[in-house]
Structures are given as structure tokens and as C-alpha cells.
Protein backbone atom coordinates (compact mmCIF):
# COMPACT_ATOMS: atom_id res chain seq x y z
CA MET A 1 -0.08 -0.85 -26.53
CA PRO A 2 2.67 -0.79 -29.22
CA ARG A 3 5.25 -3.57 -29.33
CA PHE A 4 8.95 -2.86 -29.96
CA GLN A 5 11.82 -5.09 -31.07
CA TYR A 6 15.09 -4.43 -29.28
CA ARG A 7 18.73 -5.53 -29.37
CA GLY A 8 21.19 -4.84 -26.60
CA ARG A 9 23.97 -6.02 -24.31
CA SER A 10 23.55 -7.50 -20.85
CA SER A 11 25.70 -6.48 -17.87
CA ARG A 12 28.07 -9.33 -18.85
CA GLY A 13 28.40 -8.07 -22.40
CA GLU A 14 26.23 -10.77 -23.94
CA ALA A 15 23.98 -9.96 -26.89
CA VAL A 16 20.29 -9.98 -26.01
CA SER A 17 17.16 -9.32 -28.03
CA GLY A 18 13.43 -9.55 -27.63
CA ARG A 19 10.12 -7.74 -27.73
CA ILE A 20 8.55 -5.41 -25.18
CA ASP A 21 5.12 -3.75 -25.04
CA ALA A 22 5.49 -0.09 -24.08
CA GLU A 23 4.10 3.37 -24.84
CA SER A 24 7.21 4.55 -26.69
CA ALA A 25 10.80 3.66 -27.60
CA GLU A 26 11.95 5.85 -24.68
CA ALA A 27 9.86 3.73 -22.30
CA VAL A 28 11.48 0.58 -23.74
CA ALA A 29 14.95 2.03 -23.22
CA SER A 30 14.09 2.92 -19.63
CA GLN A 31 12.83 -0.61 -18.92
CA LEU A 32 15.96 -2.13 -20.44
CA PHE A 33 18.29 0.12 -18.43
CA ASN A 34 16.42 -0.77 -15.24
CA SER A 35 16.84 -4.46 -15.98
CA GLY A 36 20.59 -4.12 -16.61
CA VAL A 37 20.45 -4.20 -20.42
CA THR A 38 22.12 -1.52 -22.53
CA PRO A 39 19.96 -1.01 -25.65
CA ILE A 40 21.64 -0.88 -29.04
CA ASP A 41 18.63 -0.75 -31.35
CA ILE A 42 14.90 -0.26 -30.69
CA THR A 43 12.39 -0.44 -33.54
CA PRO A 44 8.62 -0.96 -33.82
CA ALA A 45 7.93 -4.69 -34.13
CA GLN A 46 6.10 -6.12 -37.09
CA ALA A 47 2.61 -7.32 -36.18
CA GLU A 48 2.33 -11.04 -35.69
CA ALA A 49 -0.79 -13.14 -36.03
CA ARG A 50 -1.17 -13.30 -32.26
CA ASP A 51 -0.96 -9.50 -32.07
CA LEU A 52 -3.73 -8.78 -34.58
CA LEU A 53 -6.72 -9.63 -32.42
CA PRO A 54 -5.71 -8.91 -28.83
CA ALA A 55 -9.13 -7.65 -27.93
CA PHE A 56 -10.71 -11.01 -28.67
CA SER A 57 -8.26 -13.03 -26.59
CA LEU A 58 -9.81 -14.80 -23.65
CA GLN A 59 -6.46 -14.98 -21.88
CA LYS A 60 -6.14 -12.56 -18.98
CA LYS A 61 -3.13 -10.90 -17.46
CA PRO A 62 -2.06 -12.67 -14.24
CA ALA A 63 -3.67 -11.22 -11.13
CA VAL A 64 -1.62 -9.70 -8.33
CA ASP A 65 -2.37 -12.73 -6.14
CA GLU A 66 -0.78 -15.02 -8.73
CA VAL A 67 2.39 -12.91 -8.86
CA ILE A 68 2.52 -12.87 -5.05
CA LEU A 69 2.15 -16.66 -4.91
CA PHE A 70 4.84 -17.10 -7.57
CA THR A 71 7.21 -14.82 -5.66
CA ARG A 72 6.66 -16.73 -2.43
CA GLN A 73 7.26 -20.05 -4.17
CA MET A 74 10.43 -18.75 -5.84
CA TYR A 75 11.71 -17.62 -2.44
CA ALA A 76 11.17 -21.12 -1.04
CA LEU A 77 12.79 -22.79 -4.06
CA THR A 78 15.87 -20.55 -4.16
CA LYS A 79 16.32 -20.82 -0.40
CA ALA A 80 16.23 -24.63 -0.70
CA GLY A 81 18.88 -24.52 -3.44
CA VAL A 82 16.62 -25.84 -6.23
CA PRO A 83 18.01 -24.94 -9.70
CA LEU A 84 16.10 -22.06 -11.28
CA THR A 85 15.16 -23.93 -14.46
CA ALA A 86 13.85 -26.94 -12.54
CA GLY A 87 11.93 -24.73 -10.13
CA LEU A 88 10.37 -22.65 -12.90
CA ARG A 89 9.31 -25.76 -14.82
CA SER A 90 7.65 -27.07 -11.68
CA LEU A 91 5.83 -23.77 -11.11
CA ALA A 92 4.70 -23.62 -14.75
CA GLY A 93 3.04 -27.00 -14.24
CA SER A 94 1.13 -25.75 -11.19
CA MET A 95 -0.07 -22.42 -12.61
CA ARG A 96 -3.58 -21.96 -14.00
CA ASN A 97 -3.21 -18.73 -15.96
CA PRO A 98 -2.20 -19.50 -19.60
CA VAL A 99 -0.36 -16.19 -19.96
CA PHE A 100 1.69 -16.86 -16.85
CA ILE A 101 2.44 -20.44 -17.93
CA ALA A 102 3.67 -19.29 -21.34
CA ALA A 103 5.78 -16.57 -19.72
CA LEU A 104 7.43 -19.05 -17.32
CA ARG A 105 8.25 -21.41 -20.18
CA GLU A 106 9.85 -18.57 -22.14
CA ILE A 107 11.83 -17.58 -19.03
CA VAL A 108 13.14 -21.16 -18.76
CA GLU A 109 14.20 -21.08 -22.42
CA THR A 110 16.00 -17.78 -21.87
CA LEU A 111 17.82 -19.16 -18.83
CA GLU A 112 18.85 -22.27 -20.74
CA SER A 113 20.38 -20.03 -23.41
CA GLY A 114 22.74 -18.67 -20.76
CA ARG A 115 21.09 -15.40 -19.81
CA GLU A 116 20.29 -14.00 -16.36
CA LEU A 117 16.92 -14.33 -14.64
CA SER A 118 16.50 -10.55 -14.54
CA VAL A 119 16.95 -10.37 -18.31
CA ALA A 120 14.47 -13.23 -18.79
CA ILE A 121 11.71 -11.70 -16.69
CA ALA A 122 12.33 -8.25 -18.22
CA ARG A 123 10.83 -9.65 -21.42
CA HIS A 124 7.46 -9.83 -19.65
CA PRO A 125 6.77 -6.29 -18.37
CA ASN A 126 3.02 -6.99 -18.35
CA ILE A 127 3.65 -9.38 -15.44
CA PHE A 128 6.81 -8.11 -13.73
CA PRO A 129 7.14 -4.34 -13.12
CA PRO A 130 10.53 -2.55 -13.34
CA LEU A 131 10.87 -2.57 -9.54
CA TYR A 132 10.60 -6.36 -9.53
CA ILE A 133 13.18 -6.72 -12.30
CA SER A 134 15.69 -4.39 -10.63
CA LEU A 135 15.42 -6.15 -7.29
CA ILE A 136 16.01 -9.55 -8.90
CA ARG A 137 19.05 -8.14 -10.72
CA VAL A 138 20.44 -6.84 -7.43
CA GLY A 139 19.89 -10.28 -5.87
CA GLU A 140 21.73 -11.95 -8.73
CA ASN A 141 24.69 -9.58 -8.52
CA SER A 142 24.96 -9.91 -4.74
CA GLY A 143 24.37 -13.67 -4.59
CA ARG A 144 21.27 -13.16 -2.40
CA LEU A 145 18.49 -13.99 -4.82
CA GLU A 146 16.31 -15.62 -2.16
CA GLU A 147 16.46 -12.40 -0.10
CA SER A 148 15.30 -10.40 -3.11
CA PHE A 149 12.31 -12.69 -3.56
CA SER A 150 11.54 -12.41 0.15
CA LEU A 151 11.64 -8.61 0.06
CA MET A 152 9.51 -8.52 -3.07
CA TYR A 153 6.96 -10.89 -1.55
CA ASP A 154 6.58 -8.69 1.54
CA TYR A 155 6.32 -5.58 -0.62
CA LEU A 156 3.67 -7.06 -2.93
CA GLN A 157 1.62 -8.19 0.07
CA ARG A 158 1.65 -4.70 1.55
CA GLU A 159 1.01 -3.15 -1.88
CA LYS A 160 -2.09 -5.30 -2.26
CA HIS A 161 -3.26 -4.26 1.20
CA THR A 162 -2.74 -0.57 0.37
CA ARG A 163 -4.71 -0.85 -2.86
CA GLN A 164 -7.57 -2.49 -0.96
CA GLN A 165 -7.48 0.34 1.58
CA ILE A 166 -7.81 2.99 -1.14
CA LYS A 167 -10.66 1.10 -2.81
CA SER A 168 -12.43 0.70 0.54
CA ALA A 169 -12.09 4.42 1.23
CA LEU A 170 -13.74 5.26 -2.10
CA ARG A 171 -16.34 2.47 -2.12
CA TYR A 172 -18.67 3.76 0.61
CA PRO A 173 -19.05 7.40 -0.57
CA THR A 174 -19.43 6.20 -4.17
CA THR A 175 -22.20 3.82 -3.13
CA VAL A 176 -23.96 6.60 -1.20
CA ILE A 177 -23.85 8.99 -4.17
CA ILE A 178 -25.19 6.32 -6.54
CA ALA A 179 -27.98 5.41 -4.10
CA ILE A 180 -29.09 9.04 -3.72
CA THR A 181 -29.02 9.56 -7.49
CA ILE A 182 -31.18 6.47 -8.08
CA ALA A 183 -33.60 7.56 -5.34
CA MET A 184 -33.99 10.99 -6.93
CA GLY A 185 -34.60 9.39 -10.31
CA VAL A 186 -37.32 7.09 -8.92
CA LEU A 187 -39.04 9.97 -7.12
CA ALA A 188 -38.91 12.24 -10.15
CA GLY A 189 -40.03 9.54 -12.60
CA PHE A 190 -42.70 7.65 -10.66
CA VAL A 191 -43.69 9.11 -7.28
CA ILE A 192 -44.08 12.82 -8.01
CA PRO A 193 -46.08 12.29 -11.27
CA ALA A 194 -48.75 10.45 -9.24
CA PHE A 195 -49.28 13.52 -7.06
CA SER A 196 -48.97 15.80 -10.09
CA GLN A 197 -52.14 14.36 -11.61
CA ILE A 198 -54.07 15.10 -8.41
CA PHE A 199 -52.80 18.69 -8.24
CA ASP A 200 -53.69 19.30 -11.90
CA GLN A 201 -57.29 18.28 -11.24
CA LEU A 202 -57.56 20.62 -8.27
CA GLY A 203 -56.33 23.64 -10.18
CA GLY A 204 -55.38 26.93 -8.55
CA GLN A 205 -52.00 28.40 -7.73
CA LEU A 206 -49.66 25.78 -6.27
CA PRO A 207 -46.98 26.63 -3.67
CA LEU A 208 -43.46 27.37 -4.96
CA PRO A 209 -41.86 24.13 -3.60
CA THR A 210 -44.56 22.09 -5.36
CA ARG A 211 -44.02 23.89 -8.65
CA ILE A 212 -40.25 23.36 -8.42
CA ILE A 213 -40.66 19.64 -7.76
CA MET A 214 -43.19 19.22 -10.57
CA ALA A 215 -40.97 21.14 -13.01
CA PHE A 216 -38.02 18.91 -12.07
CA SER A 217 -40.17 15.79 -12.53
CA ASP A 218 -41.45 16.98 -15.93
CA PHE A 219 -37.88 17.68 -17.07
CA VAL A 220 -36.66 14.23 -16.01
CA ARG A 221 -39.60 12.45 -17.64
CA GLY A 222 -39.40 14.48 -20.84
CA TYR A 223 -35.64 14.37 -21.34
CA TRP A 224 -34.57 11.21 -19.54
CA PHE A 225 -32.85 9.87 -22.66
CA VAL A 226 -30.90 13.11 -23.05
CA ILE A 227 -29.88 12.92 -19.39
CA LEU A 228 -28.72 9.31 -19.75
CA LEU A 229 -26.80 10.11 -22.94
CA GLY A 230 -25.23 13.11 -21.22
CA LEU A 231 -24.18 11.04 -18.22
CA ALA A 232 -22.75 8.33 -20.50
CA ALA A 233 -20.89 10.92 -22.57
CA ALA A 234 -19.56 12.60 -19.42
CA GLY A 235 -18.43 9.24 -18.02
CA GLY A 236 -16.76 8.21 -21.28
CA GLY A 237 -15.11 11.62 -21.61
CA PHE A 238 -13.82 11.42 -18.06
CA VAL A 239 -12.34 7.94 -18.64
CA PHE A 240 -10.69 9.08 -21.89
CA TRP A 241 -9.32 12.23 -20.24
CA LYS A 242 -8.07 10.26 -17.23
CA ASN A 243 -6.13 7.91 -19.52
CA THR A 244 -4.18 10.78 -21.09
CA ASP A 245 -0.86 11.82 -19.51
CA ARG A 246 -2.16 15.24 -18.49
CA GLY A 247 -5.51 13.90 -17.31
CA ARG A 248 -3.92 11.12 -15.25
CA TYR A 249 -1.63 13.66 -13.56
CA LEU A 250 -4.46 16.10 -12.76
CA TRP A 251 -6.77 13.34 -11.52
CA ASP A 252 -4.06 11.85 -9.29
CA ARG A 253 -3.48 15.30 -7.82
CA THR A 254 -7.22 15.86 -7.35
CA ARG A 255 -7.65 12.54 -5.53
CA PHE A 256 -5.50 13.88 -2.68
CA ARG A 257 -7.90 16.85 -2.34
CA LEU A 258 -11.21 14.99 -2.36
CA PRO A 259 -13.44 15.69 0.67
CA LEU A 260 -13.32 13.08 3.44
CA VAL A 261 -11.30 10.47 1.52
CA GLY A 262 -8.53 12.61 0.01
CA ASP A 263 -6.42 12.58 3.17
CA ILE A 264 -6.85 8.80 3.49
CA ILE A 265 -5.66 8.30 -0.11
CA LEU A 266 -2.67 10.59 0.51
CA ARG A 267 -1.56 8.67 3.59
CA ALA A 268 -2.02 5.33 1.85
CA SER A 269 0.10 6.59 -1.06
CA LEU A 270 2.79 7.86 1.34
CA ALA A 271 2.83 4.43 2.99
CA ARG A 272 3.36 2.89 -0.46
CA PHE A 273 6.18 5.36 -1.15
CA ALA A 274 7.84 4.55 2.19
CA ARG A 275 7.62 0.78 1.62
CA ALA A 276 8.98 0.90 -1.93
CA PHE A 277 11.79 3.31 -1.05
CA SER A 278 12.76 1.27 2.03
CA MET A 279 12.93 -1.92 -0.01
CA THR A 280 15.09 -0.49 -2.78
CA TYR A 281 17.37 1.23 -0.27
CA ARG A 282 17.81 -1.93 1.83
CA SER A 283 18.42 -4.18 -1.17
CA GLY A 284 21.32 -2.06 -2.40
CA VAL A 285 19.76 -0.48 -5.51
CA PRO A 286 21.66 2.75 -6.32
CA LEU A 287 19.81 5.70 -4.79
CA SER A 288 19.10 7.54 -8.05
CA GLN A 289 17.88 4.39 -9.80
CA GLY A 290 15.88 3.38 -6.72
CA LEU A 291 14.02 6.69 -6.67
CA THR A 292 13.24 6.30 -10.36
CA LEU A 293 11.72 2.89 -9.65
CA VAL A 294 9.80 4.23 -6.65
CA SER A 295 8.32 7.05 -8.76
CA ARG A 296 6.68 4.37 -10.94
CA ALA A 297 5.75 2.06 -8.08
CA VAL A 298 3.64 4.61 -6.16
CA ASP A 299 0.94 4.34 -8.85
CA ASN A 300 0.21 8.08 -8.73
CA GLU A 301 1.57 10.44 -11.37
CA PHE A 302 1.47 13.48 -9.07
CA LEU A 303 3.33 11.75 -6.23
CA GLY A 304 5.65 10.15 -8.79
CA GLU A 305 6.62 13.60 -10.05
CA LYS A 306 7.50 14.65 -6.50
CA VAL A 307 9.71 11.56 -6.14
CA VAL A 308 11.47 12.48 -9.40
CA GLN A 309 12.09 15.94 -7.94
CA ILE A 310 13.76 14.27 -4.95
CA ARG A 311 15.90 12.18 -7.31
CA ASN A 312 16.96 15.28 -9.22
CA GLY A 313 17.89 17.02 -5.96
CA VAL A 314 19.92 14.02 -4.79
CA GLU A 315 21.76 13.96 -8.12
CA ARG A 316 22.64 17.63 -7.53
CA GLY A 317 24.18 16.68 -4.19
CA GLU A 318 21.35 17.74 -1.87
CA THR A 319 20.10 15.65 1.04
CA LEU A 320 17.00 13.46 0.89
CA SER A 321 15.20 15.40 3.60
CA ALA A 322 15.95 18.78 1.99
CA THR A 323 14.68 17.75 -1.45
CA ALA A 324 11.63 16.04 0.06
CA ALA A 325 10.78 19.24 1.96
CA ALA A 326 11.16 21.28 -1.23
CA ALA A 327 8.69 18.98 -3.02
CA GLY A 328 5.92 20.37 -0.81
CA LEU A 329 3.82 17.20 -0.51
CA PHE A 330 5.38 15.07 2.19
CA THR A 331 4.12 15.38 5.75
CA PRO A 332 6.32 16.53 8.66
CA LEU A 333 6.46 12.92 9.87
CA VAL A 334 8.04 11.71 6.60
CA LEU A 335 10.49 14.62 6.55
CA GLN A 336 11.50 14.08 10.17
CA MET A 337 12.01 10.33 9.67
CA LEU A 338 14.12 10.96 6.56
CA ARG A 339 16.24 13.47 8.49
CA VAL A 340 16.75 11.06 11.39
CA GLY A 341 17.50 8.21 8.97
CA GLU A 342 20.19 10.25 7.22
CA GLU A 343 21.79 11.20 10.52
CA THR A 344 21.79 7.63 11.87
CA GLY A 345 22.40 5.78 8.59
CA ALA A 346 19.12 3.87 8.95
CA VAL A 347 16.94 5.41 6.25
CA ASP A 348 15.31 2.07 5.44
CA ASP A 349 14.33 1.43 9.08
CA MET A 350 12.85 4.92 9.45
CA LEU A 351 10.86 4.49 6.24
CA ASP A 352 9.51 1.19 7.53
CA GLU A 353 8.32 3.03 10.63
CA VAL A 354 6.59 5.61 8.42
CA GLY A 355 4.90 2.86 6.39
CA ASP A 356 3.70 1.08 9.55
CA TYR A 357 2.37 4.31 11.05
CA TYR A 358 0.41 5.38 7.98
CA GLU A 359 -0.96 1.90 7.35
CA ARG A 360 -2.36 1.79 10.89
CA GLU A 361 -3.89 5.23 10.45
CA VAL A 362 -5.47 4.33 7.13
CA ASP A 363 -6.83 1.06 8.55
CA TYR A 364 -8.47 3.01 11.38
CA ASP A 365 -9.93 5.69 9.10
CA VAL A 366 -11.28 3.18 6.57
CA ALA A 367 -12.91 1.19 9.39
CA ASN A 368 -14.57 4.35 10.70
CA ILE A 369 -15.38 6.12 7.45
CA SER A 370 -19.04 5.12 7.70
CA ALA A 371 -19.27 6.99 11.02
CA ILE A 372 -17.97 10.11 9.26
CA ILE A 373 -20.24 9.88 6.23
CA GLU A 374 -23.46 8.79 7.98
CA PRO A 375 -24.22 12.28 9.42
CA LEU A 376 -23.78 13.81 5.97
CA LEU A 377 -25.98 11.10 4.49
CA ILE A 378 -28.69 11.78 7.09
CA VAL A 379 -28.57 15.51 6.34
CA ALA A 380 -28.80 14.88 2.58
CA LEU A 381 -31.70 12.45 2.91
CA GLY A 382 -33.40 14.74 5.43
CA GLY A 383 -33.14 17.62 2.96
CA MET A 384 -34.67 15.50 0.20
CA VAL A 385 -37.53 14.39 2.46
CA LEU A 386 -38.16 17.98 3.57
CA VAL A 387 -38.38 19.31 0.00
CA ILE A 388 -40.66 16.48 -1.09
CA ALA A 389 -42.83 16.83 2.01
CA LEU A 390 -43.26 20.56 1.47
CA GLY A 391 -44.00 20.09 -2.21
CA VAL A 392 -46.58 17.36 -1.61
CA PHE A 393 -48.27 18.38 1.62
CA LEU A 394 -48.43 22.19 1.26
CA PRO A 395 -51.12 22.04 -1.45
CA MET A 396 -52.97 19.37 0.54
CA TRP A 397 -52.99 21.60 3.60
CA GLY A 398 -54.36 24.37 1.43
CA ILE A 399 -57.15 22.12 0.21
CA PHE A 400 -58.06 21.04 3.74
CA ARG A 401 -58.09 24.65 4.94
CA LEU A 402 -60.41 25.70 2.13
CA ALA A 403 -62.69 22.74 2.83
CA LEU A 404 -62.93 23.64 6.51
CA HIS A 405 -63.69 27.32 5.85
CA GLY A 406 -66.01 26.43 3.03
């Protein structure tokens, strides 16, 4: 990812500068605005020695668990009244990830130079997302930094749980498909050829199912390298396409329409939307800016676009529930809760209820997904066994019949 050098002014008018990794200068400007910095100049950074061989670095980006632990520790330290610099130095000494340790030391240096914590952590977007930065800035401005860390800790915990739910929903069907594919490859490459030699020696006209199976086996054995290359090329092409802006958008939209698991992924994503929106709303982030942050936090380009549509409607003076209904993706439950929240002034509480409801539903569906897929798996395996049985035993029955009549 390209690195950019920036200069700007903090919310207090102080000059700030630094480097940020981002896709474009526009993305850098957006990150700076979200962290309370007004950019003055953004230019591509000159490559440094440490930037030349990033692929060979053994240092890994901090895991989500490490960020969650850091957030929980910062909540405890700020609540106890420990100075930020002293607390961060202590945490840097207890961390194991070299990237995180270096980032914390740089944050301490930035704080000691008189800058805000939100500005300091904004220099490390590979660790702290824009939502994190904005919430810390709100905590600084309101004098409730410990509350911001507490909210962020709860959000990250639930975010981790939601990601695990989505992975669990996809894991079982993916495993089943891979297992069936391997089984077909073993049958075509090793089992069927053994019977094929016997049938060739017998001669005569073989039944149609047998000829189909033998033709499939001959194709797999004769062109297995072409098949493997084709699968590898298709997989690589899919990954490349999915990493493009258009591909990522289309794939995120398609995931909601997948058989069996698409509805689970949709509800898990709506729970993530509800949690992120509730947190930004409760913490006092301006509504338009909060929706911008939520559109990035949902980790789905298609859903993120719908959230941006809501933001645009709100900026035009429309209500949340009306713009959400016009987006055409949100369920009646979400729309009703938003409407009730607007009428009662408790949008954040209603969104929390939505998040709780969908998380319970997704937990139940993920726990029972095997019961849904097992009948389909039995039908698929039964079909494979039937085709193989017909292909193998039909000619044998013919041989036995001829022997008896002979």
C-alpha cells in the first residue's frame, strides 16, 4: 500500500505532520478529517530503507485480540487516573508484538511533544481504524476518555464474535464441498480405472451409465494437470477480482444471496451495523460523521454503500428511518426500531436491541447449520453412490445373466 507524507493542523491549531499508508491521497485526507486533523499538504512519501522490503519482514500486524487487550488495559489505566505517557510506556513493556511495541513508543513520543492521543494513534491506521480514532477524539473533547475506551472495548469484543459467526457459517459448507470434490477425484483417478480394466477385457456394449463414468475417469486421468492449472487460475483470478473495488462490492453483495448461509451473513452484518451505529451515536459523534465511520466499520462494501445513502439522506434533512427504508436492504425490524428510536429519542438503545436480537439469531443458526446441510449432503452422496453403483454393477449383472443363460 502506498505511503503518503502529510502536513496539517490539529483541532487546537497546532501544526502536525506524519506518514500514513493508504490507497490514495483522498483516503489520507478522509482519515485525517476523521481524526480531527485538517490537512494542508499531502504528497507521496519517499521510500525509506524499511519500506523497500516489506514482503520479507517477519513482523506481523497486531491481531484483533491484542488490540482488544490494549483497549481494556487503557480503560483501566485512564479510569485509575494514570498519566497516559506512563501507562503507554508500561503497556509497551508488556506487549509481545514488535509492531505494536514500536507504535506505542511513537505514540508516547507524540504525546510528549504536546499533541493529542487521537492525533498520535491516527499515525498508525494499520492498528487503529478510523472508528477507534474518532471515538478517542470524542472522549478527549468531552473529558470522558475512559468511557470511550470502555465503549470501544465492548464493540471490539462483539465485532470479534460477529466475525467468528460469519466464518463458522461458511466453514461447514466449504468443508463439505471440498470433501465431495476430493472424493470424486479419488473415485475418478483410482477406483473407476480398476473396474475399467475388467470391462475392457469383457468387451461388448457397456450400459450408458458405465460409459459416462469411464469417460469422466479417462478425462480426469488424461487432463488432471490441466484441471489443476484451471482450478488454480480460477482461484487466483477470483482473489484478484475480489481485491478490486468493483469485485469487492459485487462479492459482498453476492455473499448476502448465497444459499443457506447468505441470510446468516446478512443478519450478522446488520448486527455489526447496529452495534457500530449505536456506539457512535451514544458517544456523541456527529450523525453524518458517525454514519461515515459506520460505513467503513461494517466490513462490507455493499452494506457500506447503503449506509452512505442513509448519510446522504440525513444530510438532506430526511429522517433515519425514511432513508434506511429507501436503501432497500434493511429488514422491517431495523426500520421499526429506528422509527421508534427517533420518536423516543433513544436511537442507541433501540439499535442495541437490534444487535442483541440478530446476534442471538445468528448464534442459533450457526449452531444448527449442520442440521440444515446434512440432508443435502446425504442426497448428494446418495446420488454419487447411485451413479457409481449403476455404472459398476449394470455390466456385472449383464455378465451374470449371460452366464446363467449360457
